[in-house]
Amino acid sequence: MSTSLPTYEQVLELAAPIDRTVPPEFIDENGHMNISRYLELGGTALWQRCQIELGMPEDYIATRGMSTFTAEHHLTYYAEILEGERVSVHPRLIARSDKVLHTATLILNRTRQQLACVVEATLVHMDMTARRPTPFPDDVADLADAALKADDLAWAAPLSGSMGVRRR
C-alpha cells in the first residue's frame, strides 16, 4: 500500500483520455460531484485506454469474442470536485497476469490542481461465448506489457492495498 500521494505534476505525466468541465447533472445533494460520476469517469477513461492503446477496439467483442469485466474496484477520495471545475482522468496500469489487469485511474481537479480521487480496479479478460476468464491474446498481452513499462514511473501509485493480481 502506498502511503504517499503523487504530486499534481507527477499525475500529469500520465495521458488523460478525459478532460472536461463538471456539469450541473454530476452534482449531488451535498453540492459536490456524485460518487457514481467518479466511477463513471474512471471506468470510461480506463476503457478508452484499453480500446486505443491495448488492442481492444470498439469491435473487440464482435470480432474476437472477448472483453474485460471489472472484478473489483476501490475508490479513495482526497478532495471534492464542484460544479464548473475542470477534471482530467489518468489511467495507470499497475500489473498483469495472463488473465487479469490491475489498474489505478487518478482523477485530478485541474481547477484546484489537486488529486481528487483514485479508482483502483482489477479487470478480468473474458471469453464472451463461454463467459469465463481467458488469457489475453499475444498481441494484446504485448501491448499491455509495453503500457506497463511506460507506466513504470518514478512515483508509486496510491493503491488501497486491498487488491492486485494473484500470482501462482
N, C-alpha and C. Protein backbone atom coordinates (compact mmCIF):
# COMPACT_ATOMS: atom_id res chain seq x y z
N MET A 1 0.84 -1.18 0.00
CA MET A 1 0.00 0.00 0.00
C MET A 1 0.89 1.24 0.00
N SER A 2 0.58 2.16 -0.89
CA SER A 2 1.33 3.40 -0.98
C SER A 2 0.83 4.38 0.09
N THR A 3 1.75 4.96 0.85
CA THR A 3 1.35 5.89 1.90
C THR A 3 1.48 7.34 1.49
N SER A 4 2.17 7.62 0.40
CA SER A 4 2.31 9.00 -0.05
C SER A 4 1.56 9.19 -1.36
N LEU A 5 1.12 10.40 -1.57
CA LEU A 5 0.38 10.71 -2.78
C LEU A 5 1.30 11.36 -3.80
N PRO A 6 1.04 11.08 -5.09
CA PRO A 6 1.82 11.77 -6.11
C PRO A 6 1.43 13.24 -6.16
N THR A 7 2.35 14.05 -6.65
CA THR A 7 2.02 15.46 -6.83
C THR A 7 1.13 15.62 -8.06
N TYR A 8 0.53 16.77 -8.13
CA TYR A 8 -0.29 17.13 -9.29
C TYR A 8 0.54 16.99 -10.57
N GLU A 9 1.76 17.51 -10.55
CA GLU A 9 2.63 17.46 -11.72
C GLU A 9 3.00 16.03 -12.09
N GLN A 10 3.19 15.17 -11.10
CA GLN A 10 3.50 13.77 -11.39
C GLN A 10 2.34 13.09 -12.10
N VAL A 11 1.13 13.31 -11.64
CA VAL A 11 -0.04 12.69 -12.28
C VAL A 11 -0.15 13.14 -13.73
N LEU A 12 0.23 14.38 -14.00
CA LEU A 12 0.17 14.90 -15.37
C LEU A 12 1.12 14.18 -16.32
N GLU A 13 2.04 13.36 -15.80
CA GLU A 13 2.90 12.54 -16.65
C GLU A 13 2.10 11.47 -17.39
N LEU A 14 0.94 11.13 -16.86
CA LEU A 14 0.07 10.13 -17.48
C LEU A 14 -0.88 10.80 -18.45
N ALA A 15 -1.17 10.12 -19.55
CA ALA A 15 -2.14 10.64 -20.51
C ALA A 15 -3.53 10.72 -19.87
N ALA A 16 -4.35 11.61 -20.40
CA ALA A 16 -5.71 11.82 -19.87
C ALA A 16 -6.72 11.66 -21.00
N PRO A 17 -7.34 10.49 -21.14
CA PRO A 17 -8.37 10.32 -22.16
C PRO A 17 -9.59 11.22 -21.94
N ILE A 18 -9.79 11.66 -20.70
CA ILE A 18 -10.92 12.55 -20.39
C ILE A 18 -10.38 13.82 -19.74
N ASP A 19 -10.82 14.95 -20.27
CA ASP A 19 -10.51 16.27 -19.71
C ASP A 19 -11.75 17.12 -19.97
N ARG A 20 -12.48 17.47 -18.92
CA ARG A 20 -13.76 18.14 -19.11
C ARG A 20 -14.13 18.98 -17.90
N THR A 21 -15.16 19.78 -18.09
CA THR A 21 -15.73 20.58 -17.02
C THR A 21 -16.91 19.81 -16.42
N VAL A 22 -17.05 19.87 -15.11
CA VAL A 22 -18.10 19.15 -14.42
C VAL A 22 -19.44 19.88 -14.60
N PRO A 23 -20.43 19.21 -15.23
CA PRO A 23 -21.73 19.84 -15.47
C PRO A 23 -22.65 19.74 -14.25
N PRO A 24 -23.71 20.52 -14.23
CA PRO A 24 -24.65 20.51 -13.09
C PRO A 24 -25.22 19.12 -12.78
N GLU A 25 -25.44 18.31 -13.81
CA GLU A 25 -26.06 16.99 -13.57
C GLU A 25 -25.13 16.01 -12.86
N PHE A 26 -23.85 16.33 -12.71
CA PHE A 26 -22.92 15.49 -11.96
C PHE A 26 -22.95 15.77 -10.46
N ILE A 27 -23.66 16.82 -10.05
CA ILE A 27 -23.64 17.27 -8.67
C ILE A 27 -24.77 16.63 -7.86
N ASP A 28 -24.45 16.24 -6.62
CA ASP A 28 -25.46 15.61 -5.76
C ASP A 28 -25.99 16.62 -4.74
N GLU A 29 -26.81 16.12 -3.82
CA GLU A 29 -27.45 17.00 -2.83
C GLU A 29 -26.46 17.62 -1.86
N ASN A 30 -25.23 17.12 -1.80
CA ASN A 30 -24.20 17.70 -0.94
C ASN A 30 -23.43 18.82 -1.64
N GLY A 31 -23.76 19.07 -2.90
CA GLY A 31 -23.14 20.16 -3.62
C GLY A 31 -21.80 19.85 -4.24
N HIS A 32 -21.47 18.56 -4.30
CA HIS A 32 -20.23 18.15 -4.98
C HIS A 32 -20.52 16.99 -5.93
N MET A 33 -19.49 16.60 -6.69
CA MET A 33 -19.69 15.55 -7.68
C MET A 33 -20.12 14.25 -7.00
N ASN A 34 -21.15 13.62 -7.54
CA ASN A 34 -21.71 12.40 -7.00
C ASN A 34 -20.76 11.23 -7.17
N ILE A 35 -20.79 10.31 -6.21
CA ILE A 35 -19.93 9.13 -6.21
C ILE A 35 -20.01 8.36 -7.54
N SER A 36 -21.20 8.24 -8.10
CA SER A 36 -21.36 7.47 -9.33
C SER A 36 -20.56 8.08 -10.48
N ARG A 37 -20.37 9.39 -10.46
CA ARG A 37 -19.66 10.06 -11.55
C ARG A 37 -18.16 9.80 -11.49
N TYR A 38 -17.60 9.62 -10.29
CA TYR A 38 -16.19 9.27 -10.17
C TYR A 38 -15.94 7.90 -10.82
N LEU A 39 -16.82 6.96 -10.50
CA LEU A 39 -16.70 5.62 -11.07
C LEU A 39 -16.92 5.65 -12.58
N GLU A 40 -17.90 6.44 -13.02
CA GLU A 40 -18.17 6.57 -14.45
C GLU A 40 -16.96 7.15 -15.19
N LEU A 41 -16.40 8.23 -14.67
CA LEU A 41 -15.24 8.85 -15.32
C LEU A 41 -14.03 7.91 -15.31
N GLY A 42 -13.77 7.28 -14.16
CA GLY A 42 -12.64 6.37 -14.07
C GLY A 42 -12.79 5.17 -14.99
N GLY A 43 -13.96 4.56 -15.00
CA GLY A 43 -14.21 3.40 -15.85
C GLY A 43 -14.17 3.74 -17.33
N THR A 44 -14.72 4.88 -17.69
CA THR A 44 -14.73 5.29 -19.10
C THR A 44 -13.32 5.58 -19.60
N ALA A 45 -12.53 6.28 -18.81
CA ALA A 45 -11.15 6.59 -19.22
C ALA A 45 -10.33 5.32 -19.35
N LEU A 46 -10.50 4.39 -18.42
CA LEU A 46 -9.76 3.13 -18.49
C LEU A 46 -10.16 2.33 -19.72
N TRP A 47 -11.47 2.25 -20.00
CA TRP A 47 -11.93 1.50 -21.17
C TRP A 47 -11.43 2.16 -22.46
N GLN A 48 -11.39 3.50 -22.49
CA GLN A 48 -10.84 4.18 -23.67
C GLN A 48 -9.38 3.81 -23.87
N ARG A 49 -8.64 3.72 -22.78
CA ARG A 49 -7.23 3.32 -22.92
C ARG A 49 -7.12 1.89 -23.43
N CYS A 50 -7.96 1.00 -22.94
CA CYS A 50 -7.97 -0.38 -23.44
C CYS A 50 -8.27 -0.41 -24.94
N GLN A 51 -9.24 0.40 -25.37
CA GLN A 51 -9.62 0.42 -26.79
C GLN A 51 -8.52 1.01 -27.67
N ILE A 52 -7.94 2.11 -27.25
CA ILE A 52 -7.00 2.83 -28.10
C ILE A 52 -5.59 2.26 -28.03
N GLU A 53 -5.14 1.90 -26.84
CA GLU A 53 -3.73 1.55 -26.65
C GLU A 53 -3.47 0.07 -26.41
N LEU A 54 -4.46 -0.67 -25.93
CA LEU A 54 -4.21 -2.05 -25.54
C LEU A 54 -4.78 -3.08 -26.50
N GLY A 55 -5.18 -2.66 -27.69
CA GLY A 55 -5.60 -3.61 -28.71
C GLY A 55 -6.98 -4.20 -28.51
N MET A 56 -7.85 -3.48 -27.77
CA MET A 56 -9.22 -3.94 -27.57
C MET A 56 -10.18 -2.87 -28.11
N PRO A 57 -10.21 -2.68 -29.44
CA PRO A 57 -11.02 -1.60 -30.01
C PRO A 57 -12.52 -1.84 -29.83
N GLU A 58 -13.29 -0.88 -30.28
CA GLU A 58 -14.74 -0.91 -30.11
C GLU A 58 -15.36 -2.23 -30.59
N ASP A 59 -14.80 -2.82 -31.64
CA ASP A 59 -15.36 -4.06 -32.18
C ASP A 59 -14.69 -5.32 -31.62
N TYR A 60 -13.96 -5.21 -30.51
CA TYR A 60 -13.24 -6.34 -29.90
C TYR A 60 -14.18 -7.50 -29.58
N ILE A 61 -15.34 -7.20 -29.02
CA ILE A 61 -16.29 -8.26 -28.69
C ILE A 61 -16.81 -8.91 -29.97
N ALA A 62 -17.21 -8.10 -30.95
CA ALA A 62 -17.78 -8.62 -32.18
C ALA A 62 -16.77 -9.41 -33.01
N THR A 63 -15.53 -8.91 -33.10
CA THR A 63 -14.56 -9.56 -33.98
C THR A 63 -13.75 -10.66 -33.31
N ARG A 64 -13.51 -10.53 -32.01
CA ARG A 64 -12.65 -11.51 -31.34
C ARG A 64 -13.36 -12.29 -30.26
N GLY A 65 -14.59 -11.87 -29.92
CA GLY A 65 -15.36 -12.61 -28.93
C GLY A 65 -14.83 -12.49 -27.51
N MET A 66 -14.10 -11.40 -27.23
CA MET A 66 -13.51 -11.21 -25.91
C MET A 66 -13.77 -9.79 -25.42
N SER A 67 -13.66 -9.62 -24.09
CA SER A 67 -13.80 -8.31 -23.47
C SER A 67 -13.14 -8.37 -22.10
N THR A 68 -13.33 -7.33 -21.29
CA THR A 68 -12.89 -7.37 -19.90
C THR A 68 -14.09 -7.09 -19.01
N PHE A 69 -14.10 -7.72 -17.85
CA PHE A 69 -15.09 -7.45 -16.81
C PHE A 69 -14.34 -6.90 -15.61
N THR A 70 -14.92 -5.93 -14.95
CA THR A 70 -14.34 -5.44 -13.70
C THR A 70 -14.68 -6.44 -12.60
N ALA A 71 -13.63 -6.98 -11.96
CA ALA A 71 -13.84 -7.94 -10.88
C ALA A 71 -13.93 -7.25 -9.52
N GLU A 72 -13.22 -6.12 -9.41
CA GLU A 72 -13.20 -5.42 -8.13
C GLU A 72 -12.78 -3.98 -8.40
N HIS A 73 -13.30 -3.08 -7.59
CA HIS A 73 -12.83 -1.70 -7.65
C HIS A 73 -12.88 -1.09 -6.25
N HIS A 74 -12.04 -0.09 -6.08
CA HIS A 74 -11.93 0.60 -4.80
C HIS A 74 -11.74 2.08 -5.11
N LEU A 75 -12.57 2.92 -4.53
CA LEU A 75 -12.45 4.37 -4.74
C LEU A 75 -11.93 5.01 -3.46
N THR A 76 -10.93 5.85 -3.61
CA THR A 76 -10.39 6.61 -2.49
C THR A 76 -10.47 8.08 -2.86
N TYR A 77 -11.10 8.86 -1.99
CA TYR A 77 -11.31 10.29 -2.25
C TYR A 77 -10.31 11.12 -1.46
N TYR A 78 -9.76 12.13 -2.12
CA TYR A 78 -8.79 13.02 -1.47
C TYR A 78 -9.25 14.47 -1.46
N ALA A 79 -10.15 14.86 -2.35
CA ALA A 79 -10.62 16.24 -2.42
C ALA A 79 -11.95 16.28 -3.16
N GLU A 80 -12.75 17.27 -2.86
CA GLU A 80 -14.03 17.45 -3.54
C GLU A 80 -13.82 17.98 -4.96
N ILE A 81 -14.82 17.71 -5.77
CA ILE A 81 -14.92 18.32 -7.10
C ILE A 81 -16.30 18.98 -7.16
N LEU A 82 -16.30 20.24 -7.56
CA LEU A 82 -17.54 21.02 -7.58
C LEU A 82 -17.97 21.33 -9.01
N GLU A 83 -19.22 21.71 -9.15
CA GLU A 83 -19.76 22.09 -10.45
C GLU A 83 -18.90 23.18 -11.09
N GLY A 84 -18.64 23.02 -12.39
CA GLY A 84 -17.88 24.01 -13.14
C GLY A 84 -16.38 23.84 -13.05
N GLU A 85 -15.90 22.95 -12.19
CA GLU A 85 -14.46 22.73 -12.10
C GLU A 85 -14.02 21.79 -13.22
N ARG A 86 -12.79 21.95 -13.63
CA ARG A 86 -12.23 21.13 -14.69
C ARG A 86 -11.56 19.90 -14.07
N VAL A 87 -11.83 18.74 -14.66
CA VAL A 87 -11.22 17.49 -14.20
C VAL A 87 -10.53 16.81 -15.38
N SER A 88 -9.50 16.04 -15.05
CA SER A 88 -8.88 15.15 -16.04
C SER A 88 -8.70 13.79 -15.39
N VAL A 89 -8.71 12.75 -16.22
CA VAL A 89 -8.73 11.37 -15.74
C VAL A 89 -7.57 10.62 -16.37
N HIS A 90 -6.71 10.02 -15.51
CA HIS A 90 -5.41 9.48 -15.93
C HIS A 90 -5.27 8.01 -15.53
N PRO A 91 -5.55 7.07 -16.45
CA PRO A 91 -5.38 5.65 -16.13
C PRO A 91 -3.91 5.24 -16.09
N ARG A 92 -3.58 4.41 -15.11
CA ARG A 92 -2.22 3.87 -14.99
C ARG A 92 -2.32 2.36 -14.78
N LEU A 93 -1.55 1.61 -15.56
CA LEU A 93 -1.51 0.16 -15.39
C LEU A 93 -0.50 -0.17 -14.30
N ILE A 94 -0.86 -1.10 -13.44
CA ILE A 94 -0.02 -1.46 -12.29
C ILE A 94 0.66 -2.82 -12.49
N ALA A 95 -0.11 -3.82 -12.88
CA ALA A 95 0.43 -5.18 -13.05
C ALA A 95 -0.56 -5.99 -13.87
N ARG A 96 -0.08 -7.15 -14.35
CA ARG A 96 -0.99 -8.05 -15.04
C ARG A 96 -0.53 -9.48 -14.86
N SER A 97 -1.48 -10.40 -15.03
CA SER A 97 -1.20 -11.82 -15.14
C SER A 97 -1.67 -12.22 -16.54
N ASP A 98 -1.80 -13.50 -16.80
CA ASP A 98 -2.25 -13.90 -18.13
C ASP A 98 -3.71 -13.54 -18.40
N LYS A 99 -4.51 -13.31 -17.31
CA LYS A 99 -5.94 -13.02 -17.49
C LYS A 99 -6.42 -11.77 -16.76
N VAL A 100 -5.60 -11.15 -15.94
CA VAL A 100 -6.04 -10.05 -15.07
C VAL A 100 -5.14 -8.83 -15.23
N LEU A 101 -5.76 -7.66 -15.20
CA LEU A 101 -5.04 -6.38 -15.27
C LEU A 101 -5.41 -5.57 -14.03
N HIS A 102 -4.41 -5.10 -13.31
CA HIS A 102 -4.60 -4.25 -12.12
C HIS A 102 -4.31 -2.81 -12.54
N THR A 103 -5.23 -1.90 -12.23
CA THR A 103 -5.11 -0.52 -12.68
C THR A 103 -5.41 0.47 -11.55
N ALA A 104 -4.91 1.68 -11.73
CA ALA A 104 -5.26 2.80 -10.84
C ALA A 104 -5.52 4.00 -11.74
N THR A 105 -6.73 4.52 -11.70
CA THR A 105 -7.08 5.68 -12.51
C THR A 105 -7.20 6.88 -11.58
N LEU A 106 -6.37 7.88 -11.84
CA LEU A 106 -6.28 9.05 -10.98
C LEU A 106 -7.10 10.19 -11.58
N ILE A 107 -7.97 10.76 -10.77
CA ILE A 107 -8.82 11.87 -11.20
C ILE A 107 -8.29 13.15 -10.56
N LEU A 108 -7.90 14.08 -11.42
CA LEU A 108 -7.39 15.37 -10.94
C LEU A 108 -8.46 16.44 -10.99
N ASN A 109 -8.47 17.29 -9.99
CA ASN A 109 -9.23 18.53 -10.05
C ASN A 109 -8.25 19.55 -10.64
N ARG A 110 -8.40 19.83 -11.93
CA ARG A 110 -7.48 20.72 -12.63
C ARG A 110 -7.66 22.17 -12.17
N THR A 111 -8.86 22.52 -11.76
CA THR A 111 -9.13 23.88 -11.31
C THR A 111 -8.31 24.20 -10.06
N ARG A 112 -8.26 23.25 -9.12
CA ARG A 112 -7.53 23.47 -7.87
C ARG A 112 -6.17 22.79 -7.84
N GLN A 113 -5.81 22.13 -8.95
CA GLN A 113 -4.53 21.45 -9.09
C GLN A 113 -4.26 20.48 -7.94
N GLN A 114 -5.21 19.51 -7.79
CA GLN A 114 -5.04 18.53 -6.73
C GLN A 114 -5.63 17.18 -7.16
N LEU A 115 -5.05 16.14 -6.58
CA LEU A 115 -5.59 14.80 -6.77
C LEU A 115 -6.90 14.72 -6.01
N ALA A 116 -7.97 14.34 -6.71
CA ALA A 116 -9.29 14.27 -6.09
C ALA A 116 -9.70 12.85 -5.73
N CYS A 117 -9.32 11.86 -6.57
CA CYS A 117 -9.80 10.51 -6.35
C CYS A 117 -8.91 9.51 -7.10
N VAL A 118 -8.82 8.30 -6.55
CA VAL A 118 -8.19 7.18 -7.26
C VAL A 118 -9.23 6.07 -7.36
N VAL A 119 -9.45 5.62 -8.60
CA VAL A 119 -10.34 4.49 -8.86
C VAL A 119 -9.43 3.31 -9.20
N GLU A 120 -9.23 2.44 -8.24
CA GLU A 120 -8.38 1.27 -8.42
C GLU A 120 -9.28 0.10 -8.85
N ALA A 121 -8.81 -0.69 -9.82
CA ALA A 121 -9.65 -1.77 -10.33
C ALA A 121 -8.81 -2.96 -10.78
N THR A 122 -9.44 -4.12 -10.75
CA THR A 122 -8.89 -5.30 -11.42
C THR A 122 -9.87 -5.70 -12.52
N LEU A 123 -9.33 -5.88 -13.70
CA LEU A 123 -10.11 -6.28 -14.87
C LEU A 123 -9.74 -7.71 -15.23
N VAL A 124 -10.74 -8.52 -15.49
CA VAL A 124 -10.53 -9.91 -15.90
C VAL A 124 -10.85 -10.02 -17.38
N HIS A 125 -9.92 -10.59 -18.15
CA HIS A 125 -10.14 -10.78 -19.58
C HIS A 125 -11.08 -11.97 -19.77
N MET A 126 -12.13 -11.77 -20.58
CA MET A 126 -13.21 -12.76 -20.67
C MET A 126 -13.44 -13.26 -22.09
N ASP A 127 -13.75 -14.55 -22.20
CA ASP A 127 -14.29 -15.15 -23.41
C ASP A 127 -15.80 -14.91 -23.34
N MET A 128 -16.33 -14.14 -24.29
CA MET A 128 -17.72 -13.74 -24.21
C MET A 128 -18.69 -14.85 -24.58
N THR A 129 -18.24 -15.90 -25.26
CA THR A 129 -19.12 -17.02 -25.55
C THR A 129 -19.24 -17.92 -24.33
N ALA A 130 -18.11 -18.31 -23.75
CA ALA A 130 -18.11 -19.16 -22.56
C ALA A 130 -18.42 -18.36 -21.30
N ARG A 131 -18.23 -17.02 -21.38
CA ARG A 131 -18.38 -16.13 -20.23
C ARG A 131 -17.53 -16.59 -19.06
N ARG A 132 -16.29 -16.90 -19.43
CA ARG A 132 -15.29 -17.36 -18.46
C ARG A 132 -13.99 -16.60 -18.72
N PRO A 133 -13.15 -16.46 -17.70
CA PRO A 133 -11.85 -15.83 -17.90
C PRO A 133 -11.03 -16.59 -18.94
N THR A 134 -10.27 -15.83 -19.72
CA THR A 134 -9.42 -16.40 -20.75
C THR A 134 -8.14 -15.56 -20.86
N PRO A 135 -7.02 -16.16 -21.22
CA PRO A 135 -5.80 -15.37 -21.34
C PRO A 135 -5.93 -14.27 -22.40
N PHE A 136 -5.20 -13.18 -22.16
CA PHE A 136 -5.10 -12.14 -23.18
C PHE A 136 -4.44 -12.73 -24.42
N PRO A 137 -4.92 -12.42 -25.62
CA PRO A 137 -4.22 -12.85 -26.83
C PRO A 137 -2.81 -12.26 -26.82
N ASP A 138 -1.89 -12.90 -27.52
CA ASP A 138 -0.49 -12.47 -27.51
C ASP A 138 -0.32 -11.01 -27.90
N ASP A 139 -1.04 -10.54 -28.92
CA ASP A 139 -0.88 -9.15 -29.35
C ASP A 139 -1.35 -8.17 -28.29
N VAL A 140 -2.45 -8.50 -27.60
CA VAL A 140 -2.97 -7.64 -26.53
C VAL A 140 -2.02 -7.69 -25.32
N ALA A 141 -1.53 -8.89 -25.00
CA ALA A 141 -0.58 -9.03 -23.90
C ALA A 141 0.69 -8.21 -24.16
N ASP A 142 1.17 -8.23 -25.40
CA ASP A 142 2.37 -7.45 -25.75
C ASP A 142 2.11 -5.95 -25.59
N LEU A 143 0.94 -5.49 -26.01
CA LEU A 143 0.59 -4.08 -25.85
C LEU A 143 0.45 -3.72 -24.37
N ALA A 144 -0.14 -4.60 -23.58
CA ALA A 144 -0.29 -4.36 -22.14
C ALA A 144 1.09 -4.29 -21.48
N ASP A 145 1.98 -5.18 -21.89
CA ASP A 145 3.34 -5.16 -21.32
C ASP A 145 4.06 -3.87 -21.67
N ALA A 146 3.90 -3.39 -22.89
CA ALA A 146 4.52 -2.11 -23.29
C ALA A 146 3.92 -0.96 -22.48
N ALA A 147 2.62 -0.98 -22.26
CA ALA A 147 1.96 0.07 -21.47
C ALA A 147 2.40 0.00 -20.01
N LEU A 148 2.53 -1.20 -19.48
CA LEU A 148 3.03 -1.35 -18.10
C LEU A 148 4.43 -0.76 -17.97
N LYS A 149 5.27 -1.01 -18.95
CA LYS A 149 6.63 -0.46 -18.92
C LYS A 149 6.59 1.07 -18.98
N ALA A 150 5.72 1.62 -19.83
CA ALA A 150 5.59 3.07 -19.94
C ALA A 150 5.05 3.68 -18.64
N ASP A 151 4.21 2.93 -17.93
CA ASP A 151 3.60 3.42 -16.70
C ASP A 151 4.46 3.15 -15.46
N ASP A 152 5.63 2.57 -15.64
CA ASP A 152 6.55 2.32 -14.52
C ASP A 152 7.30 3.62 -14.23
N LEU A 153 6.64 4.49 -13.50
CA LEU A 153 7.14 5.84 -13.25
C LEU A 153 7.93 5.89 -11.94
N ALA A 154 8.58 7.00 -11.69
CA ALA A 154 9.43 7.17 -10.51
C ALA A 154 8.63 7.28 -9.22
N TRP A 155 7.33 7.45 -9.33
CA TRP A 155 6.49 7.58 -8.13
C TRP A 155 5.52 6.42 -8.01
N ALA A 156 5.25 6.05 -6.78
CA ALA A 156 4.34 4.92 -6.53
C ALA A 156 2.89 5.35 -6.73
N ALA A 157 2.13 4.47 -7.33
CA ALA A 157 0.69 4.72 -7.46
C ALA A 157 0.05 4.61 -6.08
N PRO A 158 -0.90 5.48 -5.76
CA PRO A 158 -1.58 5.39 -4.47
C PRO A 158 -2.61 4.26 -4.50
N LEU A 159 -2.24 3.12 -3.96
CA LEU A 159 -3.08 1.92 -4.01
C LEU A 159 -3.71 1.65 -2.65
N SER A 160 -4.83 0.96 -2.67
CA SER A 160 -5.56 0.65 -1.44
C SER A 160 -4.88 -0.45 -0.63
N GLY A 161 -4.15 -1.32 -1.30
CA GLY A 161 -3.55 -2.47 -0.62
C GLY A 161 -4.52 -3.62 -0.48
N SER A 162 -5.75 -3.45 -0.99
CA SER A 162 -6.77 -4.48 -0.81
C SER A 162 -6.97 -5.36 -2.05
N MET A 163 -6.26 -5.06 -3.13
CA MET A 163 -6.45 -5.85 -4.35
C MET A 163 -5.15 -5.90 -5.15
N GLY A 164 -5.15 -6.74 -6.13
CA GLY A 164 -3.99 -6.86 -7.00
C GLY A 164 -4.14 -8.09 -7.89
N VAL A 165 -3.04 -8.46 -8.52
CA VAL A 165 -3.01 -9.62 -9.39
C VAL A 165 -2.45 -10.80 -8.61
N ARG A 166 -3.22 -11.88 -8.59
CA ARG A 166 -2.74 -13.09 -7.91
C ARG A 166 -1.69 -13.77 -8.75
N ARG A 167 -0.63 -14.18 -8.10
CA ARG A 167 0.45 -14.92 -8.78
C ARG A 167 0.39 -16.37 -8.33
N ARG A 168 0.58 -17.25 -9.29
CA ARG A 168 0.57 -18.69 -8.93
C ARG A 168 1.96 -19.16 -8.58
